[in-house]
Amino acid sequence: MSRQLLAMALAPLLGLFILGIGNGFLSTLITLRLDGAGYSALVIGWVSSAYFIGLALGALFNDRLLLRIGHIRAYGGFASLVAVTVLLQSLWLDPYAWFVLRLIGGWATVGVFLVIESWLLAAADPRVRGRLLALYMISLYAAGVIGQLLLGVTDAAGEMVPFVVIGLLASLSVLPMAMIPRVSPLIEHAEPLPPHRLITVTPTGVMGSFGSGLAVAAIYTLLPLYLQRSGLGVDRVGQMMAVVILGAMLLQYPIGRWSDRHDRQQVLILIGACCALISLGILWLPHDPWLLAGLLFFLGGGVFALYPVAVSHAADRAPAGALVRMSQGLLLINAIGSTLSPPLITPVMTALGDGGLFWSLGGLGVFLVLFFAWRRRVRPAPLPVAPFVATTPQSVVGAELTVTEELVQGALEHEHVEDLSEVVPEVDVAEPLVGPPREEDDHIEYFDTDAEAGGAGEALRPSVSARP
């Protein structure tokens, strides 16, 4: 990566890191405060859901605002709104007011992500997007881990201090963006692929994205409630949440690379099964702190890997011209799942007790296993078209970061296997072959796993076999 590119990407990544430290423990803090004030799990669920409603609305409409006023001014406005909503929450505790503030905060937060991701997208050509996305992921997850670890420290300093710290960090995140040149990258208004098109192209990708939204939102908003009601102090809750995010950061890429060499549907089945078993383990095994931390580490790795593997599976089937719109559509499906998660799971926790969280996650895991197994029988997974790209739900415009040059090239080489011209009529696709695939084509490994004389670096070389 050139120094010029790194310099262009450094400011938005630094802004993301600073803001992400505070945003990393805000959901946990809100859950714990509402629970400490005696509000029910149902009330906590609806307040938590407001944030994801704001995220979904911002993903649909914030790009229009960005096109109108420019990146730097938009970032300053969105970050200021994040700071104001958080500081207002420190003044009084009322679930109705907090619902409105969380909704506005979610809308502003996805606006921040939109500015950062569109800036990174415009800063480089597709050949280096993978490296930029890696830096983005490291900044996001590292900030989340640090933020959760700071929860106990700030909470011990006073009830208002955590909110003040988050507001200060949101305000400080403007400084790096204010120092970059007054040049706004050009972006286009996002037009995600409609849900009915997505379901036709990739039912597995749609269900994986939706299930990921349900599970990740539950982890962020309801797991702290379970931990606090299990007798853990605020500092220990923050540490356990940090372990979950650390598992997500460290395990997502190995799981993804494993999916490059195997049937991605089978990998999704195993992820669902592992999440179900870990959830039952947390319910039934003794509550030893180290054992709980280990289970939460692997639960975070599995739950957070579900979305990128599902998106990679969907990309294996989509035409090259529809990759960006497909990624954007799956992101919105994920946002819908996140919005519905707390209101759906909190009634289960009310009926079954706090363990209802893990009964819900276990049931979700079993459902995903059955659905993916059924889809694998009805419609086997296509060949992987490009290496897995670790990612996390982003803004709709920023979803284009995941569409690397390797992915586009792989899609162009494989899109003739299936005729999707009727499904995505506005996208040009290669003329499909007539008749079923040859038997040997069903078992082609896209990646050459045998390192040859060229060295270890050749082990990941694409080995595409073109069909006549």
Protein backbone atom coordinates (compact mmCIF):
# COMPACT_ATOMS: atom_id res chain seq x y z
CA MET A 1 0.00 0.00 0.00
CA SER A 2 1.47 3.36 -1.04
CA ARG A 3 2.18 6.12 1.44
CA GLN A 4 -0.26 8.38 -0.38
CA LEU A 5 -3.06 5.83 -0.05
CA LEU A 6 -2.24 5.22 3.60
CA ALA A 7 -2.28 8.96 4.27
CA MET A 8 -5.72 9.29 2.66
CA ALA A 9 -7.09 6.35 4.65
CA LEU A 10 -5.46 7.22 7.97
CA ALA A 11 -7.76 10.12 8.92
CA PRO A 12 -11.09 8.31 8.45
CA LEU A 13 -9.74 5.16 10.12
CA LEU A 14 -8.49 7.19 13.09
CA GLY A 15 -11.88 8.91 13.36
CA LEU A 16 -13.59 5.51 13.25
CA PHE A 17 -11.29 4.15 15.96
CA ILE A 18 -11.89 7.09 18.33
CA LEU A 19 -15.65 7.02 17.88
CA GLY A 20 -15.73 3.21 18.00
CA ILE A 21 -14.18 3.11 21.49
CA GLY A 22 -17.18 4.92 22.92
CA ASN A 23 -19.73 3.28 20.68
CA GLY A 24 -18.25 -0.09 21.59
CA PHE A 25 -19.67 -0.07 25.10
CA LEU A 26 -22.68 2.22 24.71
CA SER A 27 -25.15 -0.61 24.02
CA THR A 28 -23.84 -2.52 27.03
CA LEU A 29 -24.05 0.56 29.23
CA ILE A 30 -27.65 1.32 28.23
CA THR A 31 -28.75 -2.26 28.89
CA LEU A 32 -27.11 -2.31 32.31
CA ARG A 33 -28.51 1.09 33.34
CA LEU A 34 -32.07 0.20 32.36
CA ASP A 35 -31.81 -3.11 34.18
CA GLY A 36 -30.36 -1.42 37.25
CA ALA A 37 -33.31 1.00 37.26
CA GLY A 38 -35.70 -1.95 37.43
CA TYR A 39 -37.10 -1.94 33.88
CA SER A 40 -38.20 -5.24 32.37
CA ALA A 41 -36.39 -7.14 29.63
CA LEU A 42 -39.19 -6.20 27.24
CA VAL A 43 -38.63 -2.47 27.80
CA ILE A 44 -34.88 -2.93 27.43
CA GLY A 45 -35.46 -4.82 24.19
CA TRP A 46 -37.54 -2.05 22.64
CA VAL A 47 -35.07 0.67 23.62
CA SER A 48 -32.25 -1.44 22.16
CA SER A 49 -34.26 -2.02 18.99
CA ALA A 50 -34.56 1.74 18.43
CA TYR A 51 -30.84 1.93 17.66
CA PHE A 52 -31.14 -0.67 14.91
CA ILE A 53 -34.22 1.03 13.50
CA GLY A 54 -32.10 4.17 13.18
CA LEU A 55 -29.34 2.17 11.51
CA ALA A 56 -31.77 0.77 8.93
CA LEU A 57 -33.28 4.19 8.17
CA GLY A 58 -29.86 5.78 7.86
CA ALA A 59 -28.67 3.02 5.54
CA LEU A 60 -31.57 3.83 3.21
CA PHE A 61 -31.48 7.64 3.20
CA ASN A 62 -28.19 9.05 4.54
CA ASP A 63 -26.35 8.80 1.23
CA ARG A 64 -28.66 11.44 -0.24
CA LEU A 65 -27.65 13.86 2.51
CA LEU A 66 -24.00 13.05 1.98
CA LEU A 67 -24.28 13.79 -1.73
CA ARG A 68 -25.86 17.15 -0.92
CA ILE A 69 -23.53 18.57 1.77
CA GLY A 70 -20.24 16.71 1.32
CA HIS A 71 -18.22 14.27 3.40
CA ILE A 72 -16.50 16.46 5.98
CA ARG A 73 -19.54 18.54 6.89
CA ALA A 74 -21.68 15.42 6.99
CA TYR A 75 -19.23 13.69 9.32
CA GLY A 76 -19.16 16.68 11.65
CA GLY A 77 -22.95 16.80 11.77
CA PHE A 78 -23.39 13.06 12.34
CA ALA A 79 -20.68 12.86 15.03
CA SER A 80 -22.16 15.88 16.81
CA LEU A 81 -25.57 14.21 16.85
CA VAL A 82 -24.03 11.07 18.35
CA ALA A 83 -22.40 13.16 21.08
CA VAL A 84 -25.59 15.13 21.83
CA THR A 85 -27.84 12.07 22.06
CA VAL A 86 -25.42 10.31 24.42
CA LEU A 87 -24.98 13.37 26.66
CA LEU A 88 -28.75 13.84 26.86
CA GLN A 89 -29.08 10.26 28.05
CA SER A 90 -26.84 11.11 30.99
CA LEU A 91 -29.25 13.83 32.21
CA TRP A 92 -32.27 11.63 32.89
CA LEU A 93 -33.31 8.01 32.62
CA ASP A 94 -36.62 7.55 30.84
CA PRO A 95 -37.23 4.65 28.42
CA TYR A 96 -39.44 6.70 26.10
CA ALA A 97 -36.88 9.48 25.81
CA TRP A 98 -34.07 6.96 25.44
CA PHE A 99 -35.98 5.20 22.64
CA VAL A 100 -36.07 8.44 20.63
CA LEU A 101 -32.45 9.28 21.44
CA ARG A 102 -31.24 5.80 20.49
CA LEU A 103 -33.15 5.99 17.21
CA ILE A 104 -31.49 9.32 16.37
CA GLY A 105 -28.15 7.97 17.56
CA GLY A 106 -28.42 4.92 15.30
CA TRP A 107 -29.31 7.12 12.32
CA ALA A 108 -26.30 9.35 13.03
CA THR A 109 -23.93 6.45 13.66
CA VAL A 110 -24.59 4.81 10.31
CA GLY A 111 -24.04 8.26 8.79
CA VAL A 112 -20.55 8.28 10.31
CA PHE A 113 -19.89 4.82 8.89
CA LEU A 114 -21.19 5.97 5.51
CA VAL A 115 -18.72 8.87 5.37
CA ILE A 116 -15.76 6.73 6.43
CA GLU A 117 -16.54 3.81 4.16
CA SER A 118 -17.30 5.91 1.09
CA TRP A 119 -14.05 7.81 1.65
CA LEU A 120 -12.11 4.54 1.83
CA LEU A 121 -13.97 3.25 -1.21
CA ALA A 122 -13.00 6.29 -3.25
CA ALA A 123 -9.42 6.33 -1.95
CA ALA A 124 -8.27 3.27 -3.87
CA ASP A 125 -8.96 1.02 -6.81
CA PRO A 126 -10.34 -2.51 -6.30
CA ARG A 127 -6.84 -4.04 -6.19
CA VAL A 128 -6.16 -2.68 -2.70
CA ARG A 129 -9.70 -2.74 -1.29
CA GLY A 130 -8.94 -5.95 0.55
CA ARG A 131 -6.12 -4.31 2.48
CA LEU A 132 -8.20 -1.23 3.25
CA LEU A 133 -11.04 -3.43 4.45
CA ALA A 134 -8.61 -5.31 6.70
CA LEU A 135 -7.47 -2.03 8.29
CA TYR A 136 -11.11 -1.02 8.68
CA MET A 137 -11.96 -4.30 10.42
CA ILE A 138 -8.97 -4.07 12.75
CA SER A 139 -9.89 -0.51 13.72
CA LEU A 140 -13.53 -1.41 14.32
CA TYR A 141 -12.99 -4.55 16.38
CA ALA A 142 -10.01 -3.20 18.32
CA ALA A 143 -12.06 -0.15 19.30
CA GLY A 144 -14.91 -2.43 20.40
CA VAL A 145 -12.63 -4.51 22.63
CA ILE A 146 -11.04 -1.43 24.23
CA GLY A 147 -14.43 0.18 24.74
CA GLN A 148 -15.84 -2.84 26.58
CA LEU A 149 -12.77 -2.96 28.83
CA LEU A 150 -13.23 0.75 29.66
CA LEU A 151 -16.82 0.19 30.77
CA GLY A 152 -15.94 -0.81 34.32
CA VAL A 153 -13.35 1.94 34.71
CA THR A 154 -15.67 4.74 33.60
CA ASP A 155 -18.69 3.41 35.48
CA ALA A 156 -16.74 3.33 38.73
CA ALA A 157 -16.02 7.05 38.34
CA GLY A 158 -19.69 8.03 38.51
CA GLU A 159 -23.04 7.49 36.86
CA MET A 160 -22.64 10.30 34.32
CA VAL A 161 -18.97 9.69 33.52
CA PRO A 162 -19.43 6.88 30.93
CA PHE A 163 -21.87 9.00 28.92
CA VAL A 164 -19.56 12.02 29.12
CA VAL A 165 -16.59 9.93 27.93
CA ILE A 166 -18.58 8.59 24.96
CA GLY A 167 -19.72 12.12 24.05
CA LEU A 168 -16.14 13.42 24.27
CA LEU A 169 -14.86 10.61 22.05
CA ALA A 170 -17.57 11.27 19.46
CA SER A 171 -16.59 14.95 19.40
CA LEU A 172 -12.86 14.18 19.20
CA SER A 173 -13.42 11.85 16.25
CA VAL A 174 -14.19 14.93 14.12
CA LEU A 175 -10.61 16.25 14.41
CA PRO A 176 -8.90 13.76 12.05
CA MET A 177 -11.57 14.30 9.39
CA ALA A 178 -11.34 18.08 9.78
CA MET A 179 -7.62 18.01 8.95
CA ILE A 180 -7.86 16.24 5.59
CA PRO A 181 -8.01 18.22 2.32
CA ARG A 182 -11.35 19.73 1.34
CA VAL A 183 -12.01 17.13 -1.32
CA SER A 184 -15.15 15.02 -1.28
CA PRO A 185 -15.02 11.68 -3.05
CA LEU A 186 -17.78 11.20 -5.60
CA ILE A 187 -20.33 8.53 -4.71
CA GLU A 188 -23.49 7.30 -6.34
CA HIS A 189 -26.86 6.78 -4.70
CA ALA A 190 -27.13 3.16 -3.58
CA GLU A 191 -29.80 0.96 -5.18
CA PRO A 192 -29.80 -2.36 -3.27
CA LEU A 193 -31.14 -5.46 -4.96
CA PRO A 194 -34.80 -5.87 -3.88
CA PRO A 195 -35.61 -8.68 -1.41
CA HIS A 196 -37.65 -10.70 -3.93
CA ARG A 197 -34.66 -10.72 -6.29
CA LEU A 198 -32.28 -11.64 -3.47
CA ILE A 199 -34.42 -14.57 -2.39
CA THR A 200 -34.42 -15.92 -5.94
CA VAL A 201 -30.66 -15.55 -6.36
CA THR A 202 -29.57 -16.73 -2.91
CA PRO A 203 -32.09 -17.94 -0.31
CA THR A 204 -29.18 -19.18 1.79
CA GLY A 205 -27.50 -15.76 1.72
CA VAL A 206 -30.74 -14.02 2.70
CA MET A 207 -31.44 -16.35 5.62
CA GLY A 208 -27.82 -16.25 6.76
CA SER A 209 -27.81 -12.45 6.75
CA PHE A 210 -31.16 -12.26 8.55
CA GLY A 211 -30.12 -14.84 11.16
CA SER A 212 -26.84 -13.01 11.70
CA GLY A 213 -28.75 -9.79 12.39
CA LEU A 214 -30.92 -11.56 14.95
CA ALA A 215 -27.96 -13.15 16.73
CA VAL A 216 -25.51 -10.22 16.71
CA ALA A 217 -28.11 -7.74 17.99
CA ALA A 218 -29.00 -10.16 20.79
CA ILE A 219 -25.33 -10.46 21.74
CA TYR A 220 -24.78 -6.70 21.84
CA THR A 221 -27.98 -5.73 23.65
CA LEU A 222 -29.22 -8.69 25.72
CA LEU A 223 -26.07 -10.60 26.67
CA PRO A 224 -25.05 -7.80 29.10
CA LEU A 225 -28.48 -8.14 30.72
CA TYR A 226 -27.99 -11.88 31.18
CA LEU A 227 -24.49 -11.41 32.59
CA GLN A 228 -25.51 -8.72 35.08
CA ARG A 229 -28.49 -10.76 36.29
CA SER A 230 -26.12 -13.72 36.70
CA GLY A 231 -24.33 -11.75 39.40
CA LEU A 232 -21.42 -10.19 37.51
CA GLY A 233 -20.35 -6.64 38.24
CA VAL A 234 -20.16 -3.96 35.57
CA ASP A 235 -16.42 -4.41 35.09
CA ARG A 236 -16.77 -8.18 34.64
CA VAL A 237 -19.64 -7.69 32.20
CA GLY A 238 -17.40 -5.43 30.12
CA GLN A 239 -14.62 -8.01 30.20
CA MET A 240 -16.94 -10.79 29.05
CA MET A 241 -18.27 -8.61 26.22
CA ALA A 242 -14.68 -7.85 25.21
CA VAL A 243 -14.03 -11.60 25.03
CA VAL A 244 -16.99 -12.00 22.65
CA ILE A 245 -15.71 -9.26 20.32
CA LEU A 246 -12.17 -10.66 20.53
CA GLY A 247 -13.51 -14.04 19.40
CA ALA A 248 -15.25 -12.33 16.50
CA MET A 249 -12.05 -10.57 15.49
CA LEU A 250 -9.74 -13.58 15.75
CA LEU A 251 -11.95 -16.38 14.39
CA GLN A 252 -13.76 -14.71 11.49
CA TYR A 253 -10.86 -14.93 9.04
CA PRO A 254 -9.86 -18.57 9.79
CA ILE A 255 -13.50 -19.66 9.43
CA GLY A 256 -13.76 -17.74 6.19
CA ARG A 257 -10.59 -19.23 4.74
CA TRP A 258 -11.90 -22.65 5.71
CA SER A 259 -15.05 -21.89 3.74
CA ASP A 260 -12.86 -21.18 0.68
CA ARG A 261 -11.84 -24.83 0.56
CA HIS A 262 -15.16 -26.42 1.46
CA ASP A 263 -18.82 -26.23 0.59
CA ARG A 264 -19.89 -22.87 2.08
CA GLN A 265 -23.36 -24.24 2.82
CA GLN A 266 -21.74 -26.97 4.88
CA VAL A 267 -19.69 -24.35 6.73
CA LEU A 268 -22.88 -22.41 7.46
CA ILE A 269 -24.50 -25.60 8.79
CA LEU A 270 -21.56 -26.17 11.13
CA ILE A 271 -21.62 -22.55 12.31
CA GLY A 272 -25.32 -22.87 13.17
CA ALA A 273 -24.74 -26.18 14.96
CA CYS A 274 -21.82 -24.79 16.97
CA CYS A 275 -23.81 -21.73 18.03
CA ALA A 276 -26.67 -23.97 19.17
CA LEU A 277 -24.35 -26.29 21.13
CA ILE A 278 -22.47 -23.41 22.76
CA SER A 279 -25.76 -21.78 23.77
CA LEU A 280 -26.91 -25.00 25.42
CA GLY A 281 -23.50 -25.37 27.05
CA ILE A 282 -23.82 -21.94 28.66
CA LEU A 283 -27.23 -22.98 30.02
CA TRP A 284 -26.27 -26.41 31.31
CA LEU A 285 -22.58 -26.30 32.24
CA PRO A 286 -21.38 -24.93 35.60
CA HIS A 287 -20.94 -21.15 35.66
CA ASP A 288 -17.19 -21.09 36.04
CA PRO A 289 -15.85 -17.67 34.89
CA TRP A 290 -13.09 -19.16 32.74
CA LEU A 291 -15.42 -21.71 31.16
CA LEU A 292 -17.99 -19.00 30.46
CA ALA A 293 -15.31 -16.79 28.89
CA GLY A 294 -14.18 -19.65 26.65
CA LEU A 295 -17.72 -20.42 25.51
CA LEU A 296 -18.44 -16.74 24.82
CA PHE A 297 -15.19 -16.46 22.83
CA PHE A 298 -16.27 -19.22 20.45
CA LEU A 299 -19.87 -18.00 20.40
CA GLY A 300 -18.64 -14.59 19.24
CA GLY A 301 -16.48 -16.22 16.58
CA GLY A 302 -19.39 -18.25 15.22
CA VAL A 303 -22.12 -15.61 15.40
CA PHE A 304 -20.03 -12.86 13.82
CA ALA A 305 -18.71 -15.18 11.08
CA LEU A 306 -22.23 -16.08 9.95
CA TYR A 307 -22.81 -12.85 7.99
CA PRO A 308 -19.56 -12.75 5.96
CA VAL A 309 -19.75 -16.45 5.06
CA ALA A 310 -23.38 -15.99 3.95
CA VAL A 311 -22.39 -12.98 1.85
CA SER A 312 -19.50 -14.95 0.33
CA HIS A 313 -21.88 -17.78 -0.53
CA ALA A 314 -24.25 -15.31 -2.17
CA ALA A 315 -21.36 -13.80 -4.15
CA ASP A 316 -20.49 -17.25 -5.48
CA ARG A 317 -23.80 -17.29 -7.34
CA ALA A 318 -24.47 -13.65 -8.26
CA PRO A 319 -23.58 -12.16 -11.66
CA ALA A 320 -20.56 -9.87 -11.59
CA GLY A 321 -22.69 -6.84 -12.46
CA ALA A 322 -24.99 -7.44 -9.48
CA LEU A 323 -22.36 -8.02 -6.78
CA VAL A 324 -22.51 -4.53 -5.27
CA ARG A 325 -26.32 -4.33 -5.27
CA MET A 326 -26.53 -7.84 -3.84
CA SER A 327 -24.17 -6.94 -0.97
CA GLN A 328 -26.20 -3.82 -0.27
CA GLY A 329 -29.46 -5.77 -0.27
CA LEU A 330 -28.10 -8.40 2.12
CA LEU A 331 -26.94 -5.61 4.42
CA LEU A 332 -30.48 -4.27 4.66
CA ILE A 333 -31.78 -7.80 5.34
CA ASN A 334 -29.24 -7.99 8.16
CA ALA A 335 -30.44 -4.63 9.52
CA ILE A 336 -34.04 -5.89 9.55
CA GLY A 337 -32.94 -8.93 11.56
CA SER A 338 -31.11 -6.70 14.04
CA THR A 339 -34.17 -4.48 14.45
CA LEU A 340 -36.48 -7.42 15.18
CA SER A 341 -34.10 -9.27 17.48
CA PRO A 342 -34.63 -7.58 20.89
CA PRO A 343 -38.46 -7.38 20.62
CA LEU A 344 -38.61 -11.06 19.61
CA ILE A 345 -36.19 -12.44 22.21
CA THR A 346 -37.12 -10.41 25.29
CA PRO A 347 -40.61 -12.01 25.56
CA VAL A 348 -38.84 -15.40 25.64
CA MET A 349 -36.61 -14.12 28.44
CA THR A 350 -39.68 -12.92 30.30
CA ALA A 351 -41.38 -16.30 29.96
CA LEU A 352 -38.38 -18.61 30.53
CA GLY A 353 -36.12 -16.43 32.63
CA ASP A 354 -32.82 -14.84 31.69
CA GLY A 355 -31.69 -18.11 30.13
CA GLY A 356 -34.32 -17.48 27.46
CA LEU A 357 -31.60 -15.56 25.60
CA PHE A 358 -29.62 -18.74 25.02
CA TRP A 359 -32.73 -20.83 24.40
CA SER A 360 -33.50 -18.33 21.64
CA LEU A 361 -29.96 -18.42 20.23
CA GLY A 362 -29.96 -22.20 20.40
CA GLY A 363 -33.31 -22.39 18.63
CA LEU A 364 -32.07 -19.97 15.98
CA GLY A 365 -28.98 -22.13 15.46
CA VAL A 366 -31.10 -25.28 15.02
CA PHE A 367 -33.42 -23.51 12.58
CA LEU A 368 -30.47 -22.29 10.50
CA VAL A 369 -28.98 -25.79 10.43
CA LEU A 370 -32.24 -27.24 9.12
CA PHE A 371 -32.72 -24.45 6.58
CA PHE A 372 -29.16 -24.62 5.23
CA ALA A 373 -29.30 -28.43 5.05
CA TRP A 374 -32.55 -28.22 3.09
CA ARG A 375 -31.10 -25.63 0.70
CA ARG A 376 -27.97 -27.74 0.25
CA ARG A 377 -30.11 -30.69 -0.80
CA VAL A 378 -32.34 -28.62 -3.11
CA ARG A 379 -29.64 -26.43 -4.61
CA PRO A 380 -26.00 -27.42 -3.92
CA ALA A 381 -23.52 -24.67 -3.25
CA PRO A 382 -21.70 -23.21 -6.26
CA LEU A 383 -17.96 -23.17 -6.58
CA PRO A 384 -16.21 -20.45 -4.55
CA VAL A 385 -15.42 -17.70 -7.04
CA ALA A 386 -12.88 -15.74 -4.98
CA PRO A 387 -11.16 -15.78 -1.59
CA PHE A 388 -13.34 -15.02 1.44
CA VAL A 389 -13.29 -11.39 2.57
CA ALA A 390 -13.77 -10.82 6.30
CA THR A 391 -16.35 -8.12 6.84
CA THR A 392 -19.00 -6.81 9.18
CA PRO A 393 -22.34 -5.12 8.50
CA GLN A 394 -21.54 -1.67 7.10
CA SER A 395 -23.27 1.21 5.39
CA VAL A 396 -25.02 0.47 2.11
CA VAL A 397 -22.48 2.47 0.11
CA GLY A 398 -19.58 0.98 2.06
CA ALA A 399 -20.73 -2.54 1.20
CA GLU A 400 -18.95 -2.03 -2.11
CA LEU A 401 -15.65 -2.32 -0.21
CA THR A 402 -16.20 -6.08 -0.05
CA VAL A 403 -16.44 -6.36 -3.84
CA THR A 404 -12.77 -6.85 -4.63
CA GLU A 405 -11.15 -7.23 -8.04
CA GLU A 406 -10.69 -10.96 -7.39
CA LEU A 407 -14.38 -11.36 -6.64
CA VAL A 408 -15.46 -9.58 -9.82
CA GLN A 409 -13.03 -11.58 -11.95
CA GLY A 410 -14.16 -14.86 -10.39
CA ALA A 411 -17.82 -13.99 -10.96
CA LEU A 412 -17.14 -13.17 -14.61
CA GLU A 413 -15.45 -16.54 -15.09
CA HIS A 414 -18.28 -18.50 -13.45
CA GLU A 415 -21.48 -16.62 -14.19
CA HIS A 416 -22.10 -18.59 -17.37
CA VAL A 417 -22.90 -21.70 -15.32
CA GLU A 418 -26.40 -20.45 -14.42
CA ASP A 419 -28.83 -18.20 -16.26
CA LEU A 420 -29.81 -15.32 -13.95
CA SER A 421 -30.74 -12.85 -16.68
CA GLU A 422 -34.43 -13.09 -15.76
CA VAL A 423 -33.73 -12.64 -12.05
CA VAL A 424 -31.58 -9.54 -12.47
CA PRO A 425 -32.78 -8.28 -15.86
CA GLU A 426 -30.91 -4.97 -15.74
CA VAL A 427 -27.52 -6.71 -15.41
CA ASP A 428 -25.65 -8.09 -18.40
CA VAL A 429 -24.62 -11.70 -17.85
CA ALA A 430 -22.70 -14.11 -19.96
CA GLU A 431 -24.76 -16.53 -22.06
CA PRO A 432 -25.46 -19.61 -19.89
CA LEU A 433 -24.46 -23.10 -20.93
CA VAL A 434 -27.17 -25.53 -22.01
CA GLY A 435 -27.64 -28.62 -19.90
CA PRO A 436 -26.46 -29.62 -16.43
CA PRO A 437 -22.82 -29.22 -15.35
CA ARG A 438 -20.46 -32.04 -16.06
CA GLU A 439 -19.82 -34.31 -13.09
CA GLU A 440 -16.20 -33.26 -12.79
CA ASP A 441 -17.22 -29.60 -12.64
CA ASP A 442 -19.14 -30.23 -9.42
CA HIS A 443 -15.90 -31.04 -7.63
CA ILE A 444 -13.48 -28.43 -8.91
CA GLU A 445 -11.55 -26.79 -6.10
CA TYR A 446 -11.18 -23.13 -6.84
CA PHE A 447 -8.02 -22.85 -4.75
CA ASP A 448 -4.94 -24.92 -5.41
CA THR A 449 -4.03 -26.11 -1.92
CA ASP A 450 -0.84 -27.91 -2.93
CA ALA A 451 2.11 -25.58 -2.72
CA GLU A 452 4.35 -26.13 -5.70
CA ALA A 453 7.85 -25.07 -6.57
CA GLY A 454 6.70 -21.49 -6.67
CA GLY A 455 6.68 -21.40 -2.84
CA ALA A 456 4.08 -21.06 -0.14
CA GLY A 457 2.75 -17.90 -1.69
CA GLU A 458 1.45 -19.97 -4.62
CA ALA A 459 -0.76 -22.07 -2.36
CA LEU A 460 -3.65 -19.64 -2.69
CA ARG A 461 -3.38 -19.17 -6.44
CA PRO A 462 -6.77 -19.42 -8.21
CA SER A 463 -7.06 -22.61 -10.24
CA VAL A 464 -10.18 -21.99 -12.30
CA SER A 465 -11.13 -24.60 -14.86
CA ALA A 466 -13.00 -23.01 -17.74
CA ARG A 467 -15.81 -25.02 -19.20
CA PRO A 468 -16.08 -25.34 -23.01
